[in-house]
């Protein structure tokens, strides 16, 4: 991939990636605030200001690196929004709702992007200057949001799916799974480096994203 192609791809993916990961985190904080924990609001994290959420590695380095190596789909993350689960009105049950808020937001963004893609593909030839970049950004948005939704629903703490499982499992199993959290990030890195993560979620991601893109096609 030459330099011009890299810059073009970064331009297409930058806004969809930022919106996907920032809104994912804001959704966690917003739901937690409604359920009794105002930590994120008091720390100024319920904002769309990217400077409040950008993680140098997860928001910039990893996505750009994946663009450069020509990865079929991108991945990234923002600084986690702080949530004090003990301040939730019903900690174990409400943890499930807070955790699901992020992936659900990504699914909603994927559906909105599908609708916008359908609109972009129907624009007249005279609006080609708008239709083409909009269509490419919508496709990028569908892919990154599907990636984030599916990846975060893996039942491994500290991922959202792990927190959902902790909230739903009986107390003994919930406690055992919660103890895995200290090793969770290491497990994710190993899965990513060995290529196992791509094998686990790759087919589901590409199948789901492909289906949404096909739905938008005239």
Protein backbone atom coordinates (compact mmCIF):
# COMPACT_ATOMS: atom_id res chain seq x y z
CA UNK A 1 0.00 0.00 0.00
CA UNK A 2 1.55 3.32 -1.08
CA UNK A 3 1.59 6.50 1.02
CA UNK A 4 -1.29 8.13 -0.88
CA UNK A 5 -3.48 5.05 -0.35
CA UNK A 6 -2.66 5.01 3.36
CA UNK A 7 -3.63 8.68 3.76
CA UNK A 8 -6.85 8.10 1.80
CA UNK A 9 -7.80 5.13 3.98
CA UNK A 10 -7.02 7.03 7.20
CA UNK A 11 -9.20 9.91 5.97
CA UNK A 12 -12.10 7.53 5.33
CA UNK A 13 -11.77 5.64 8.61
CA UNK A 14 -10.83 8.42 11.05
CA UNK A 15 -14.31 9.84 11.77
CA UNK A 16 -16.15 6.47 11.89
CA UNK A 17 -13.53 5.03 14.28
CA UNK A 18 -13.63 8.07 16.59
CA UNK A 19 -17.43 8.14 16.71
CA UNK A 20 -17.67 4.39 17.29
CA UNK A 21 -15.26 4.20 20.22
CA UNK A 22 -16.20 7.52 21.84
CA UNK A 23 -19.96 6.92 21.74
CA UNK A 24 -19.35 3.39 23.03
CA UNK A 25 -17.67 4.77 26.16
CA UNK A 26 -20.08 7.68 26.62
CA UNK A 27 -22.98 5.19 26.51
CA UNK A 28 -21.49 3.28 29.46
CA UNK A 29 -21.18 6.47 31.50
CA UNK A 30 -24.61 7.79 30.52
CA UNK A 31 -26.41 4.59 31.55
CA UNK A 32 -24.40 4.36 34.77
CA UNK A 33 -25.38 7.97 35.55
CA UNK A 34 -29.05 7.11 35.08
CA UNK A 35 -28.67 4.10 37.37
CA UNK A 36 -27.07 5.95 40.26
CA UNK A 37 -23.34 6.35 39.53
CA UNK A 38 -22.44 9.90 38.56
CA UNK A 39 -18.66 9.27 38.42
CA UNK A 40 -18.33 9.74 34.65
CA UNK A 41 -20.47 12.89 34.65
CA UNK A 42 -18.54 14.45 37.54
CA UNK A 43 -15.24 13.71 35.74
CA UNK A 44 -16.47 15.38 32.55
CA UNK A 45 -16.50 12.17 30.52
CA UNK A 46 -20.09 12.42 29.26
CA UNK A 47 -18.92 14.52 26.33
CA UNK A 48 -18.23 14.01 22.62
CA UNK A 49 -14.99 16.00 22.94
CA UNK A 50 -12.45 13.46 21.59
CA UNK A 51 -9.66 14.93 23.73
CA UNK A 52 -11.45 13.59 26.81
CA UNK A 53 -11.50 10.04 25.45
CA UNK A 54 -8.50 9.51 23.16
CA UNK A 55 -6.03 6.84 24.23
CA UNK A 56 -2.73 7.29 22.32
CA UNK A 57 -2.35 3.56 21.74
CA UNK A 58 -5.93 2.35 21.40
CA UNK A 59 -7.40 5.33 19.55
CA UNK A 60 -4.44 6.30 17.34
CA UNK A 61 -1.56 3.81 17.15
CA UNK A 62 -3.49 0.55 16.81
CA UNK A 63 -6.04 1.74 14.19
CA UNK A 64 -3.34 3.45 12.07
CA UNK A 65 -1.11 0.37 12.29
CA UNK A 66 -3.96 -1.84 11.10
CA UNK A 67 -4.58 0.56 8.18
CA UNK A 68 -0.89 0.45 7.20
CA UNK A 69 -0.71 -3.36 7.21
CA UNK A 70 -3.95 -3.56 5.23
CA UNK A 71 -6.04 -5.33 7.86
CA UNK A 72 -9.51 -6.32 6.53
CA UNK A 73 -11.14 -4.64 9.54
CA UNK A 74 -10.05 -2.11 12.13
CA UNK A 75 -10.05 -2.23 15.89
CA UNK A 76 -9.49 0.41 18.54
CA UNK A 77 -10.53 1.62 21.95
CA UNK A 78 -10.80 4.82 23.97
CA UNK A 79 -9.95 5.50 27.60
CA UNK A 80 -12.57 3.58 29.59
CA UNK A 81 -15.24 5.75 31.17
CA UNK A 82 -14.98 5.33 34.97
CA UNK A 83 -17.87 3.44 36.52
CA UNK A 84 -18.18 2.68 40.24
CA UNK A 85 -20.45 -0.35 40.23
CA UNK A 86 -20.90 -0.15 44.01
CA UNK A 87 -22.74 3.16 43.54
CA UNK A 88 -25.33 1.64 41.20
CA UNK A 89 -28.73 1.20 42.81
CA UNK A 90 -28.69 -2.54 42.08
CA UNK A 91 -24.97 -3.26 41.46
CA UNK A 92 -25.09 -6.75 40.01
CA UNK A 93 -28.19 -6.28 37.86
CA UNK A 94 -27.35 -2.74 36.78
CA UNK A 95 -23.82 -3.81 35.81
CA UNK A 96 -25.42 -5.80 32.98
CA UNK A 97 -27.24 -2.74 31.62
CA UNK A 98 -24.14 -0.53 31.89
CA UNK A 99 -22.02 -3.15 30.11
CA UNK A 100 -24.55 -3.71 27.33
CA UNK A 101 -24.86 0.03 26.65
CA UNK A 102 -21.60 0.14 24.68
CA UNK A 103 -22.19 -2.77 22.26
CA UNK A 104 -25.85 -1.78 21.80
CA UNK A 105 -24.72 1.74 20.85
CA UNK A 106 -22.35 0.27 18.27
CA UNK A 107 -25.14 -1.85 16.80
CA UNK A 108 -27.37 1.23 16.55
CA UNK A 109 -24.54 3.14 14.82
CA UNK A 110 -24.09 0.24 12.39
CA UNK A 111 -27.80 0.35 11.51
CA UNK A 112 -27.74 4.13 11.09
CA UNK A 113 -24.69 3.79 8.85
CA UNK A 114 -26.54 1.17 6.79
CA UNK A 115 -29.42 3.61 6.25
CA UNK A 116 -27.02 6.41 5.30
CA UNK A 117 -25.19 4.09 2.91
CA UNK A 118 -28.48 3.32 1.18
CA UNK A 119 -29.12 7.06 0.82
CA UNK A 120 -25.59 7.71 -0.49
CA UNK A 121 -25.95 5.00 -3.13
CA UNK A 122 -29.18 6.61 -4.37
CA UNK A 123 -27.69 10.09 -4.84
CA UNK A 124 -27.62 11.34 -8.47
CA UNK A 125 -24.43 11.32 -10.52
CA UNK A 126 -24.22 15.10 -10.12
CA UNK A 127 -23.58 14.53 -6.41
CA UNK A 128 -20.79 12.00 -7.01
CA UNK A 129 -18.38 14.24 -5.08
CA UNK A 130 -20.49 13.62 -1.97
CA UNK A 131 -21.86 10.15 -2.64
CA UNK A 132 -18.55 8.32 -2.99
CA UNK A 133 -16.80 9.52 0.20
CA UNK A 134 -20.05 9.23 2.18
CA UNK A 135 -20.57 5.66 0.98
CA UNK A 136 -17.00 4.69 1.85
CA UNK A 137 -17.28 6.23 5.32
CA UNK A 138 -20.61 4.49 5.93
CA UNK A 139 -19.09 1.13 4.97
CA UNK A 140 -16.16 1.81 7.30
CA UNK A 141 -18.61 2.75 10.06
CA UNK A 142 -20.57 -0.47 9.60
CA UNK A 143 -17.41 -2.56 9.86
CA UNK A 144 -15.85 -0.82 12.89
CA UNK A 145 -19.14 -0.78 14.81
CA UNK A 146 -19.81 -4.45 14.12
CA UNK A 147 -16.24 -5.25 15.21
CA UNK A 148 -16.62 -3.34 18.47
CA UNK A 149 -20.04 -4.82 19.24
CA UNK A 150 -19.01 -8.43 18.65
CA UNK A 151 -15.55 -8.14 20.23
CA UNK A 152 -16.87 -6.47 23.37
CA UNK A 153 -19.56 -9.12 23.80
CA UNK A 154 -16.97 -11.88 24.26
CA UNK A 155 -17.62 -13.30 27.76
CA UNK A 156 -14.21 -12.33 29.10
CA UNK A 157 -13.77 -9.63 31.75
CA UNK A 158 -12.92 -6.77 31.53
CA UNK A 159 -14.81 -6.81 28.20
CA UNK A 160 -18.49 -5.87 28.30
CA UNK A 161 -19.54 -9.44 27.65
CA UNK A 162 -17.55 -10.55 30.67
CA UNK A 163 -19.33 -8.03 32.87
CA UNK A 164 -22.69 -9.15 31.49
CA UNK A 165 -21.80 -12.75 32.36
CA UNK A 166 -20.68 -11.75 35.87
CA UNK A 167 -24.01 -9.98 36.39
CA UNK A 168 -26.10 -12.90 35.13
CA UNK A 169 -24.28 -15.95 36.52
CA UNK A 170 -25.00 -17.43 39.96
CA UNK A 171 -22.85 -15.92 42.70
CA UNK A 172 -20.22 -18.69 42.83
CA UNK A 173 -19.63 -18.77 39.06
CA UNK A 174 -19.83 -14.98 38.94
CA UNK A 175 -17.08 -14.74 41.57
CA UNK A 176 -14.84 -17.19 39.70
CA UNK A 177 -15.26 -15.33 36.41
CA UNK A 178 -14.59 -11.97 38.11
CA UNK A 179 -11.22 -13.33 39.29
CA UNK A 180 -10.21 -13.78 35.63
CA UNK A 181 -10.33 -9.99 35.09
CA UNK A 182 -6.76 -9.46 36.32
CA UNK A 183 -5.58 -11.68 33.44
CA UNK A 184 -8.16 -10.50 30.91
CA UNK A 185 -6.02 -7.97 29.05
CA UNK A 186 -3.14 -10.44 28.80
CA UNK A 187 -5.48 -13.08 27.37
CA UNK A 188 -6.80 -10.59 24.79
CA UNK A 189 -3.26 -9.66 23.72
CA UNK A 190 -2.32 -13.34 23.34
CA UNK A 191 -5.45 -14.02 21.27
CA UNK A 192 -4.68 -11.00 19.09
CA UNK A 193 -0.97 -11.78 18.55
CA UNK A 194 -1.58 -15.45 17.78
CA UNK A 195 -4.37 -14.65 15.34
CA UNK A 196 -6.92 -16.60 17.37
CA UNK A 197 -9.04 -13.50 17.94
CA UNK A 198 -9.44 -12.97 14.20
CA UNK A 199 -10.41 -16.62 13.79
CA UNK A 200 -12.96 -16.39 16.60
CA UNK A 201 -14.77 -13.22 15.57
CA UNK A 202 -13.57 -12.65 11.99
CA UNK A 203 -16.20 -14.74 10.16
CA UNK A 204 -19.03 -13.35 12.31
CA UNK A 205 -17.81 -9.77 11.85
CA UNK A 206 -17.38 -9.98 8.10
CA UNK A 207 -20.62 -11.92 7.67
CA UNK A 208 -22.65 -9.43 9.73
CA UNK A 209 -21.03 -6.36 8.16
CA UNK A 210 -21.40 -7.85 4.68
CA UNK A 211 -25.09 -8.50 5.30
CA UNK A 212 -25.72 -4.89 6.35
CA UNK A 213 -23.81 -3.55 3.34
CA UNK A 214 -25.78 -5.86 1.03
CA UNK A 215 -29.04 -4.62 2.58
CA UNK A 216 -28.07 -1.04 1.67
CA UNK A 217 -27.27 -1.94 -1.93
CA UNK A 218 -29.93 -0.88 -4.50
